Amino acid sequence: SIHGSTEKTHDEVMRNPGSFKQIMGVLEKLKDTKIEKTVNFVVNNLNIHEMEFMPKLLKPLNVKLKFSCVEPINLKHYSNISVVPNMTLVADKVKEIIKNNI
């Protein structure tokens, strides 16, 4: 899973500095292989603004993209903010991304 199209957002959501660089490094190494690769972008209120950048980030790496949404369970470390996104907004963004990238 990737939780942002930028190192800052992904690492902040994951609370794991360096994890974005690690994921992108592995995808870069696998770029020219015949291994089928799919990345799951987990949409939440901390990264929803980066959804539209994901196709451009992953296409050169020959990686398929899918979206899922954070679920409102076990989110204790985010207790001071609402991380569950508005599903209508997510659906609209996904439609726009499909329209612009197919």
Protein backbone atom coordinates (compact mmCIF):
# COMPACT_ATOMS: atom_id res chain seq x y z
CA SER A 1 0.00 0.00 0.00
CA ILE A 2 0.96 3.58 -0.64
CA HIS A 3 -0.59 6.33 1.46
CA GLY A 4 0.51 9.39 -0.50
CA SER A 5 2.00 10.49 -3.79
CA THR A 6 4.77 12.26 -1.89
CA GLU A 7 7.29 11.12 0.66
CA LYS A 8 6.01 13.68 3.17
CA THR A 9 2.39 12.52 3.06
CA HIS A 10 3.05 8.78 2.89
CA ASP A 11 5.58 8.79 5.71
CA GLU A 12 3.35 11.03 7.85
CA VAL A 13 0.31 8.79 7.42
CA MET A 14 2.38 5.66 8.04
CA ARG A 15 4.34 7.31 10.85
CA ASN A 16 7.40 5.58 9.41
CA PRO A 17 10.07 7.92 7.96
CA GLY A 18 11.77 6.50 4.88
CA SER A 19 9.03 4.03 3.98
CA PHE A 20 7.99 5.92 0.82
CA LYS A 21 11.55 5.88 -0.52
CA GLN A 22 11.79 2.18 0.27
CA ILE A 23 8.57 1.33 -1.60
CA MET A 24 9.48 3.48 -4.59
CA GLY A 25 12.96 1.93 -4.68
CA VAL A 26 11.53 -1.58 -4.84
CA LEU A 27 9.05 -0.57 -7.57
CA GLU A 28 11.89 1.01 -9.56
CA LYS A 29 13.94 -2.20 -9.34
CA LEU A 30 10.95 -4.24 -10.52
CA LYS A 31 9.99 -1.80 -13.28
CA ASP A 32 11.35 -3.80 -16.22
CA THR A 33 10.39 -7.25 -14.95
CA LYS A 34 7.42 -9.25 -16.13
CA ILE A 35 6.13 -9.40 -12.56
CA GLU A 36 2.64 -7.93 -12.36
CA LYS A 37 2.62 -5.12 -9.82
CA THR A 38 -0.37 -3.40 -8.21
CA VAL A 39 -0.32 -0.64 -5.62
CA ASN A 40 -3.22 0.01 -3.30
CA PHE A 41 -3.66 3.70 -2.46
CA VAL A 42 -5.54 3.86 0.85
CA VAL A 43 -7.58 7.07 0.68
CA ASN A 44 -8.10 9.12 3.83
CA ASN A 45 -8.55 12.78 4.69
CA LEU A 46 -4.79 13.21 5.04
CA ASN A 47 -4.02 12.15 1.45
CA ILE A 48 -7.21 12.58 -0.59
CA HIS A 49 -5.70 15.68 -2.22
CA GLU A 50 -2.96 13.49 -3.77
CA MET A 51 -5.15 10.85 -5.43
CA GLU A 52 -4.96 12.40 -8.90
CA PHE A 53 -1.15 12.33 -8.89
CA MET A 54 -0.89 8.57 -8.42
CA PRO A 55 -1.34 7.48 -12.06
CA LYS A 56 1.47 9.77 -13.20
CA LEU A 57 3.71 8.50 -10.39
CA LEU A 58 3.11 4.80 -11.08
CA LYS A 59 2.71 4.59 -14.86
CA PRO A 60 6.47 4.91 -15.62
CA LEU A 61 7.06 2.05 -13.16
CA ASN A 62 4.58 -0.28 -14.95
CA VAL A 63 2.45 -0.50 -11.81
CA LYS A 64 -1.32 -0.87 -11.73
CA LEU A 65 -3.25 1.28 -9.27
CA LYS A 66 -6.26 0.55 -7.13
CA PHE A 67 -7.96 2.68 -4.51
CA SER A 68 -9.44 1.68 -1.20
CA CYS A 69 -10.63 3.79 1.72
CA VAL A 70 -9.53 3.81 5.31
CA GLU A 71 -12.09 2.17 7.53
CA PRO A 72 -13.33 3.74 10.77
CA ILE A 73 -11.85 1.03 12.98
CA ASN A 74 -8.71 0.90 15.08
CA LEU A 75 -7.79 4.56 14.45
CA LYS A 76 -6.76 5.43 18.02
CA HIS A 77 -3.59 7.28 16.98
CA TYR A 78 -5.74 9.67 14.87
CA SER A 79 -8.25 10.42 17.62
CA ASN A 80 -8.00 14.21 17.23
CA ILE A 81 -8.94 14.27 13.53
CA SER A 82 -11.40 12.59 11.24
CA VAL A 83 -9.45 10.49 8.74
CA VAL A 84 -12.40 8.72 7.09
CA PRO A 85 -13.05 10.56 3.82
CA ASN A 86 -16.38 11.56 2.32
CA MET A 87 -17.23 8.64 0.03
CA THR A 88 -19.03 10.82 -2.51
CA LEU A 89 -15.91 12.95 -2.86
CA VAL A 90 -13.74 9.84 -3.23
CA ALA A 91 -16.06 8.40 -5.89
CA ASP A 92 -16.03 11.68 -7.83
CA LYS A 93 -12.23 11.80 -7.71
CA VAL A 94 -11.92 8.19 -8.88
CA LYS A 95 -14.28 8.87 -11.81
CA GLU A 96 -12.20 11.89 -12.81
CA ILE A 97 -8.94 9.92 -12.54
CA ILE A 98 -10.34 7.15 -14.73
CA LYS A 99 -11.62 9.67 -17.27
CA ASN A 100 -8.25 11.43 -17.47
CA ASN A 101 -6.02 8.35 -17.54
CA ILE A 102 -7.68 5.88 -19.88
